[in-house]
Amino acid sequence: MDKEQYREILLTYFKAFGTGDFSQVKFSSNIQFLSPISQNTFD
């Protein structure tokens, strides 16, 4: 994935929070979440 594709994905994601329309947001089956406190990742 190049820098422009990554930028477009982020813009779509953050725009969805403003509009409430998440229909264009795509999630990966390999998503991980990072805990800001413990710095551990969770699948």
N, C-alpha and C. Protein backbone atom coordinates (compact mmCIF):
# COMPACT_ATOMS: atom_id res chain seq x y z
N MET A 1 0.86 -1.17 0.00
CA MET A 1 0.00 0.00 0.00
C MET A 1 0.90 1.23 0.00
N ASP A 2 0.63 2.15 -0.88
CA ASP A 2 1.45 3.36 -0.93
C ASP A 2 0.88 4.44 0.01
N LYS A 3 1.62 5.50 0.13
CA LYS A 3 1.28 6.58 1.06
C LYS A 3 -0.08 7.22 0.75
N GLU A 4 -0.39 7.38 -0.51
CA GLU A 4 -1.66 8.00 -0.91
C GLU A 4 -2.85 7.11 -0.59
N GLN A 5 -2.72 5.81 -0.80
CA GLN A 5 -3.79 4.88 -0.45
C GLN A 5 -4.04 4.90 1.06
N TYR A 6 -2.97 4.89 1.83
CA TYR A 6 -3.08 4.93 3.28
C TYR A 6 -3.77 6.22 3.73
N ARG A 7 -3.40 7.32 3.13
CA ARG A 7 -4.00 8.63 3.45
C ARG A 7 -5.50 8.62 3.16
N GLU A 8 -5.88 8.07 2.03
CA GLU A 8 -7.30 8.01 1.64
C GLU A 8 -8.11 7.15 2.62
N ILE A 9 -7.55 6.05 3.06
CA ILE A 9 -8.22 5.19 4.03
C ILE A 9 -8.45 5.95 5.33
N LEU A 10 -7.43 6.65 5.80
CA LEU A 10 -7.57 7.42 7.04
C LEU A 10 -8.59 8.54 6.91
N LEU A 11 -8.60 9.23 5.79
CA LEU A 11 -9.57 10.31 5.58
C LEU A 11 -11.00 9.77 5.59
N THR A 12 -11.21 8.64 4.92
CA THR A 12 -12.54 8.02 4.90
C THR A 12 -12.97 7.63 6.30
N TYR A 13 -12.04 7.07 7.06
CA TYR A 13 -12.33 6.63 8.43
C TYR A 13 -12.72 7.80 9.33
N PHE A 14 -11.92 8.85 9.32
CA PHE A 14 -12.20 9.99 10.19
C PHE A 14 -13.42 10.79 9.73
N LYS A 15 -13.66 10.84 8.44
CA LYS A 15 -14.85 11.52 7.92
C LYS A 15 -16.12 10.81 8.39
N ALA A 16 -16.05 9.49 8.51
CA ALA A 16 -17.21 8.71 8.96
C ALA A 16 -17.64 9.11 10.36
N PHE A 17 -16.70 9.46 11.21
CA PHE A 17 -17.06 9.89 12.56
C PHE A 17 -17.82 11.22 12.54
N GLY A 18 -17.50 12.06 11.58
CA GLY A 18 -18.19 13.34 11.47
C GLY A 18 -19.58 13.22 10.89
N THR A 19 -19.73 12.31 9.94
CA THR A 19 -21.02 12.17 9.27
C THR A 19 -21.90 11.08 9.86
N GLY A 20 -21.26 10.13 10.55
CA GLY A 20 -22.01 8.99 11.09
C GLY A 20 -22.25 7.90 10.05
N ASP A 21 -21.77 8.10 8.84
CA ASP A 21 -21.94 7.13 7.75
C ASP A 21 -20.67 6.28 7.63
N PHE A 22 -20.72 5.06 8.13
CA PHE A 22 -19.57 4.16 8.09
C PHE A 22 -19.65 3.16 6.94
N SER A 23 -20.52 3.39 5.98
CA SER A 23 -20.72 2.45 4.89
C SER A 23 -19.48 2.29 4.01
N GLN A 24 -18.62 3.28 3.95
CA GLN A 24 -17.41 3.20 3.12
C GLN A 24 -16.18 2.73 3.89
N VAL A 25 -16.34 2.53 5.20
CA VAL A 25 -15.22 2.09 6.04
C VAL A 25 -15.11 0.58 5.94
N LYS A 26 -13.89 0.10 5.68
CA LYS A 26 -13.63 -1.33 5.56
C LYS A 26 -12.70 -1.75 6.69
N PHE A 27 -13.00 -2.88 7.32
CA PHE A 27 -12.19 -3.39 8.41
C PHE A 27 -11.49 -4.67 7.98
N SER A 28 -10.28 -4.84 8.42
CA SER A 28 -9.51 -6.03 8.13
C SER A 28 -9.83 -7.12 9.14
N SER A 29 -9.74 -8.35 8.72
CA SER A 29 -9.92 -9.47 9.65
C SER A 29 -8.69 -9.64 10.55
N ASN A 30 -7.61 -8.92 10.23
CA ASN A 30 -6.36 -9.01 11.00
C ASN A 30 -6.16 -7.79 11.89
N ILE A 31 -7.23 -7.15 12.29
CA ILE A 31 -7.14 -5.92 13.07
C ILE A 31 -6.63 -6.21 14.48
N GLN A 32 -5.81 -5.29 15.01
CA GLN A 32 -5.32 -5.38 16.38
C GLN A 32 -5.54 -4.02 17.04
N PHE A 33 -5.79 -4.05 18.33
CA PHE A 33 -5.97 -2.83 19.09
C PHE A 33 -4.82 -2.68 20.08
N LEU A 34 -4.30 -1.49 20.21
CA LEU A 34 -3.20 -1.20 21.11
C LEU A 34 -3.75 -0.49 22.34
N SER A 35 -3.48 -1.06 23.51
CA SER A 35 -3.89 -0.43 24.76
C SER A 35 -2.95 0.73 25.05
N PRO A 36 -3.49 1.94 25.21
CA PRO A 36 -2.63 3.11 25.45
C PRO A 36 -1.97 3.07 26.83
N ILE A 37 -2.52 2.31 27.74
CA ILE A 37 -1.95 2.25 29.09
C ILE A 37 -0.87 1.16 29.20
N SER A 38 -1.24 -0.06 28.84
CA SER A 38 -0.30 -1.18 29.00
C SER A 38 0.62 -1.37 27.80
N GLN A 39 0.28 -0.77 26.66
CA GLN A 39 1.04 -0.92 25.42
C GLN A 39 0.95 -2.35 24.86
N ASN A 40 -0.02 -3.13 25.32
CA ASN A 40 -0.26 -4.48 24.80
C ASN A 40 -1.22 -4.42 23.64
N THR A 41 -1.08 -5.35 22.70
CA THR A 41 -2.02 -5.43 21.59
C THR A 41 -3.01 -6.55 21.85
N PHE A 42 -4.23 -6.37 21.35
CA PHE A 42 -5.30 -7.35 21.50
C PHE A 42 -5.89 -7.64 20.13
N ASP A 43 -6.07 -8.92 19.84
CA ASP A 43 -6.66 -9.32 18.55
C ASP A 43 -8.16 -9.25 18.63
